[in-house]
């Protein structure tokens, strides 16, 4: 029944509409995903492979990348997977990555890599701040620049990962993190305006997503006797959806923003936060 309705709609439409299956398919496209050895990035790798994309997986963890590639190869979805061990905090390594993939640049760029260290604002020093910004903001800046330079004629899709903390700070000790992610949001909107004729550039702002990384941060904070339990209870109490999120739920939105399902979405800030920002 649903198929016949879709066909009828396409037949009577003034514009030729593509079937849903074609819109979400990434067959024939290549996606580069940073921070793809674990957590949200790994979930993105699985979903993009399922949608038919070939993958360039980038992370600083060689072992983590090898494990993800092995799992994807074993799944047999047919995705061709290349892995790249890169320290994104170093611009030289970013440049080397793009030189390595010259001629096979991605159609889709996902800037997911980031760090989430907690430190009291008054204890932040120049070295610490520089490290956070190098990974969370500067790497996104340079990766987007290289993508746009390489595909200025063909265009493509860029999805950046921000954070709800950049819009509504909640946890103390994250001033460095929130400002780096606010920069990612501002950069996204600027690039969408300047290069929107060729590139769709959007940003996802996740919140309350449970990953191995966030679990490890929580364990470290508990050792330091920081009020992580109280913060978690307060955060959960504000969630209209009543639960924390899964990495896959962010990955699915990244897939939508990278596919034909979002062909008229550009410069958007998409919250994947269970409704936290609305409460």
Protein backbone atom coordinates (compact mmCIF):
# COMPACT_ATOMS: atom_id res chain seq x y z
CA UNK A 1 0.00 0.00 0.00
CA UNK A 2 2.77 2.44 1.00
CA UNK A 3 4.68 1.73 -2.20
CA UNK A 4 1.66 2.38 -4.43
CA UNK A 5 0.92 5.67 -2.64
CA UNK A 6 4.54 6.78 -3.12
CA UNK A 7 4.46 5.88 -6.80
CA UNK A 8 1.19 7.77 -7.28
CA UNK A 9 2.62 10.82 -5.54
CA UNK A 10 5.70 10.72 -7.75
CA UNK A 11 3.56 10.33 -10.88
CA UNK A 12 1.35 13.34 -10.13
CA UNK A 13 4.15 15.57 -8.82
CA UNK A 14 5.41 18.44 -10.92
CA UNK A 15 8.95 17.38 -10.07
CA UNK A 16 10.49 13.97 -10.48
CA UNK A 17 10.81 12.50 -7.00
CA UNK A 18 13.24 9.74 -6.09
CA UNK A 19 12.09 6.76 -4.02
CA UNK A 20 13.02 6.75 -0.33
CA UNK A 21 15.39 3.83 -0.83
CA UNK A 22 17.42 5.81 -3.35
CA UNK A 23 17.42 8.95 -1.22
CA UNK A 24 18.98 7.30 1.81
CA UNK A 25 21.40 5.16 -0.19
CA UNK A 26 25.06 6.24 -0.21
CA UNK A 27 26.15 3.74 -2.86
CA UNK A 28 28.87 5.19 -5.04
CA UNK A 29 29.80 7.76 -2.38
CA UNK A 30 32.76 7.94 -0.05
CA UNK A 31 32.49 9.26 3.52
CA UNK A 32 35.37 10.39 5.72
CA UNK A 33 34.57 10.10 9.44
CA UNK A 34 36.91 11.40 12.12
CA UNK A 35 37.01 9.94 15.62
CA UNK A 36 35.69 6.69 14.17
CA UNK A 37 37.50 4.17 16.36
CA UNK A 38 34.90 4.30 19.13
CA UNK A 39 31.64 5.78 20.37
CA UNK A 40 29.55 7.94 18.05
CA UNK A 41 32.13 7.79 15.26
CA UNK A 42 32.15 4.00 15.27
CA UNK A 43 28.35 3.95 15.18
CA UNK A 44 28.48 6.29 12.18
CA UNK A 45 30.93 3.99 10.41
CA UNK A 46 28.52 1.05 10.78
CA UNK A 47 25.47 2.99 9.58
CA UNK A 48 27.24 4.62 6.63
CA UNK A 49 28.60 1.23 5.56
CA UNK A 50 25.09 -0.19 5.82
CA UNK A 51 23.88 2.63 3.54
CA UNK A 52 26.46 1.59 0.96
CA UNK A 53 29.18 4.22 1.39
CA UNK A 54 32.88 3.51 1.06
CA UNK A 55 34.73 4.77 4.11
CA UNK A 56 37.82 6.67 5.15
CA UNK A 57 38.04 6.16 8.90
CA UNK A 58 40.29 8.57 10.81
CA UNK A 59 41.38 8.32 14.42
CA UNK A 60 44.48 8.54 16.60
CA UNK A 61 43.88 4.99 17.86
CA UNK A 62 45.44 2.49 15.46
CA UNK A 63 44.10 -0.47 17.41
CA UNK A 64 40.59 0.95 17.55
CA UNK A 65 40.55 1.60 13.81
CA UNK A 66 41.81 -1.90 13.07
CA UNK A 67 39.01 -3.40 15.15
CA UNK A 68 36.31 -1.36 13.43
CA UNK A 69 37.67 -2.23 9.99
CA UNK A 70 37.78 -5.91 10.89
CA UNK A 71 34.16 -5.80 12.06
CA UNK A 72 33.02 -3.97 8.93
CA UNK A 73 34.90 -6.35 6.65
CA UNK A 74 33.32 -9.29 8.45
CA UNK A 75 29.80 -7.85 8.08
CA UNK A 76 30.14 -8.11 4.32
CA UNK A 77 28.11 -5.00 3.40
CA UNK A 78 30.54 -4.44 0.54
CA UNK A 79 31.93 -1.16 1.82
CA UNK A 80 35.56 -0.49 0.96
CA UNK A 81 37.21 0.74 4.13
CA UNK A 82 40.48 2.65 4.40
CA UNK A 83 41.88 3.59 7.81
CA UNK A 84 44.15 6.52 8.64
CA UNK A 85 45.95 7.03 11.95
CA UNK A 86 46.03 10.81 12.36
CA UNK A 87 46.58 13.20 15.25
CA UNK A 88 44.04 15.83 14.22
CA UNK A 89 45.44 18.32 16.72
CA UNK A 90 48.41 18.76 14.37
CA UNK A 91 47.71 20.66 11.18
CA UNK A 92 50.64 18.98 9.45
CA UNK A 93 49.00 15.59 9.90
CA UNK A 94 45.70 16.95 8.59
CA UNK A 95 47.50 18.20 5.48
CA UNK A 96 49.27 14.85 5.07
CA UNK A 97 45.93 13.03 5.25
CA UNK A 98 44.45 15.07 2.39
CA UNK A 99 47.61 14.61 0.35
CA UNK A 100 47.31 10.86 0.89
CA UNK A 101 43.72 10.70 -0.37
CA UNK A 102 44.21 13.16 -3.25
CA UNK A 103 42.16 12.04 -6.24
CA UNK A 104 39.83 10.01 -3.99
CA UNK A 105 38.48 12.77 -1.77
CA UNK A 106 35.21 12.04 0.06
CA UNK A 107 31.75 13.15 -1.03
CA UNK A 108 30.85 13.39 2.66
CA UNK A 109 32.91 14.73 5.56
CA UNK A 110 31.92 14.01 9.15
CA UNK A 111 33.92 15.97 11.74
CA UNK A 112 33.18 13.93 14.84
CA UNK A 113 36.52 13.77 16.72
CA UNK A 114 36.64 15.68 19.98
CA UNK A 115 37.79 15.65 23.58
CA UNK A 116 35.78 16.32 26.74
CA UNK A 117 38.21 17.00 29.58
CA UNK A 118 36.82 18.56 32.74
CA UNK A 119 38.89 21.27 34.44
CA UNK A 120 37.96 24.23 36.61
CA UNK A 121 38.04 27.46 34.59
CA UNK A 122 40.54 29.05 37.00
CA UNK A 123 42.90 26.10 36.55
CA UNK A 124 42.96 26.17 32.73
CA UNK A 125 46.37 27.09 31.31
CA UNK A 126 47.50 27.93 27.78
CA UNK A 127 48.75 24.44 26.94
CA UNK A 128 45.53 22.77 28.07
CA UNK A 129 43.31 25.28 26.26
CA UNK A 130 45.38 24.99 23.09
CA UNK A 131 45.08 21.21 23.08
CA UNK A 132 41.30 21.31 23.47
CA UNK A 133 40.88 23.90 20.72
CA UNK A 134 43.32 22.12 18.40
CA UNK A 135 41.18 18.98 18.49
CA UNK A 136 37.66 20.31 18.95
CA UNK A 137 37.74 23.40 16.74
CA UNK A 138 40.94 23.88 14.75
CA UNK A 139 40.84 20.39 13.26
CA UNK A 140 37.26 21.01 12.10
CA UNK A 141 38.31 24.34 10.57
CA UNK A 142 41.17 22.78 8.60
CA UNK A 143 39.26 19.64 7.60
CA UNK A 144 36.39 21.73 6.22
CA UNK A 145 38.82 23.99 4.39
CA UNK A 146 40.53 21.04 2.74
CA UNK A 147 37.19 19.46 1.81
CA UNK A 148 35.92 22.63 0.15
CA UNK A 149 39.20 23.23 -1.68
CA UNK A 150 39.31 19.67 -2.98
CA UNK A 151 35.66 19.53 -4.08
CA UNK A 152 34.90 23.14 -4.94
CA UNK A 153 33.30 22.14 -8.25
CA UNK A 154 31.65 18.85 -7.27
CA UNK A 155 30.42 19.96 -3.85
CA UNK A 156 29.42 17.59 -1.10
CA UNK A 157 27.97 17.26 2.39
CA UNK A 158 29.67 18.23 5.64
CA UNK A 159 28.32 17.30 9.06
CA UNK A 160 30.05 18.73 12.12
CA UNK A 161 29.48 17.60 15.68
CA UNK A 162 28.90 20.31 18.25
CA UNK A 163 27.36 19.96 21.71
CA UNK A 164 24.33 21.16 23.63
CA UNK A 165 26.86 22.55 26.14
CA UNK A 166 27.70 25.23 23.55
CA UNK A 167 24.07 26.41 23.62
CA UNK A 168 23.08 25.74 27.22
CA UNK A 169 26.08 25.10 29.51
CA UNK A 170 25.12 22.60 32.20
CA UNK A 171 28.19 20.95 33.68
CA UNK A 172 30.76 23.02 35.56
CA UNK A 173 34.40 22.81 34.54
CA UNK A 174 33.76 22.83 30.79
CA UNK A 175 34.25 26.48 29.74
CA UNK A 176 37.05 25.42 27.38
CA UNK A 177 34.86 22.70 25.87
CA UNK A 178 31.73 24.82 25.45
CA UNK A 179 33.61 27.63 23.71
CA UNK A 180 35.37 25.23 21.33
CA UNK A 181 32.05 23.67 20.36
CA UNK A 182 30.41 27.09 20.01
CA UNK A 183 33.10 27.82 17.44
CA UNK A 184 32.11 24.68 15.53
CA UNK A 185 28.50 25.87 15.38
CA UNK A 186 29.52 29.34 14.17
CA UNK A 187 31.88 27.89 11.55
CA UNK A 188 29.16 25.56 10.26
CA UNK A 189 26.68 28.36 9.71
CA UNK A 190 29.25 30.59 8.04
CA UNK A 191 30.34 27.86 5.61
CA UNK A 192 26.72 27.04 4.79
CA UNK A 193 26.16 30.68 3.87
CA UNK A 194 29.37 31.12 1.87
CA UNK A 195 29.44 27.78 0.05
CA UNK A 196 25.80 26.71 0.07
CA UNK A 197 25.54 26.48 -3.71
CA UNK A 198 27.87 23.47 -3.69
CA UNK A 199 28.02 22.24 -0.11
CA UNK A 200 25.42 21.42 2.50
CA UNK A 201 27.01 22.10 5.89
CA UNK A 202 25.09 21.21 9.05
CA UNK A 203 25.90 20.64 12.70
CA UNK A 204 24.53 18.08 15.12
CA UNK A 205 24.47 19.05 18.80
CA UNK A 206 24.24 15.83 20.83
CA UNK A 207 23.43 15.74 24.50
CA UNK A 208 23.21 12.99 27.09
CA UNK A 209 24.68 10.32 24.81
CA UNK A 210 26.11 7.31 26.60
CA UNK A 211 29.37 6.03 25.10
CA UNK A 212 32.45 4.30 26.46
CA UNK A 213 34.14 7.71 26.44
CA UNK A 214 31.49 9.40 28.57
CA UNK A 215 31.48 6.41 30.93
CA UNK A 216 35.24 6.75 31.38
CA UNK A 217 34.93 10.48 32.08
CA UNK A 218 32.31 9.70 34.72
CA UNK A 219 34.59 7.13 36.36
CA UNK A 220 37.48 9.61 36.48
CA UNK A 221 35.28 12.27 38.01
CA UNK A 222 34.03 9.86 40.65
CA UNK A 223 37.64 9.17 41.66
CA UNK A 224 38.14 12.90 42.11
CA UNK A 225 34.91 13.06 44.13
CA UNK A 226 33.36 15.50 41.66
CA UNK A 227 29.56 15.70 41.80
CA UNK A 228 29.00 13.66 38.65
CA UNK A 229 26.16 11.59 40.16
CA UNK A 230 24.22 14.71 41.14
CA UNK A 231 24.79 16.22 37.71
CA UNK A 232 23.61 13.04 36.04
CA UNK A 233 20.42 12.94 38.09
CA UNK A 234 19.70 16.60 37.34
CA UNK A 235 20.38 16.11 33.65
CA UNK A 236 18.13 13.06 33.41
CA UNK A 237 15.37 14.90 35.27
CA UNK A 238 15.35 17.56 32.55
CA UNK A 239 15.04 15.06 29.70
CA UNK A 240 11.50 15.06 28.31
CA UNK A 241 12.18 11.71 26.63
CA UNK A 242 13.08 10.20 30.02
CA UNK A 243 16.34 8.46 29.17
CA UNK A 244 19.89 9.00 27.94
CA UNK A 245 20.68 8.59 24.26
CA UNK A 246 22.60 6.01 22.26
CA UNK A 247 25.50 6.62 19.90
CA UNK A 248 23.50 5.05 17.10
CA UNK A 249 20.82 7.73 17.46
CA UNK A 250 23.38 10.41 16.61
CA UNK A 251 24.74 8.25 13.77
CA UNK A 252 21.27 7.95 12.22
CA UNK A 253 20.86 11.73 12.16
CA UNK A 254 24.30 12.10 10.58
CA UNK A 255 23.17 9.65 7.90
CA UNK A 256 20.04 11.69 7.22
CA UNK A 257 22.03 14.93 6.94
CA UNK A 258 24.50 13.26 4.57
CA UNK A 259 21.90 11.74 2.27
CA UNK A 260 19.25 12.88 -0.19
CA UNK A 261 16.71 12.85 2.64
CA UNK A 262 17.97 16.31 3.64
CA UNK A 263 18.57 17.88 0.22
CA UNK A 264 17.16 21.28 1.34
CA UNK A 265 18.75 21.35 4.79
CA UNK A 266 21.75 23.67 5.06
CA UNK A 267 23.23 25.60 7.98
CA UNK A 268 20.97 23.76 10.42
CA UNK A 269 21.68 23.13 14.09
CA UNK A 270 20.12 19.76 14.79
CA UNK A 271 19.75 18.78 18.44
CA UNK A 272 19.92 15.07 19.24
CA UNK A 273 19.36 15.48 22.96
CA UNK A 274 16.08 13.89 23.96
CA UNK A 275 14.52 17.34 24.16
CA UNK A 276 16.96 18.73 26.75
CA UNK A 277 17.30 22.14 25.08
CA UNK A 278 13.54 22.55 24.96
CA UNK A 279 12.96 21.85 28.66
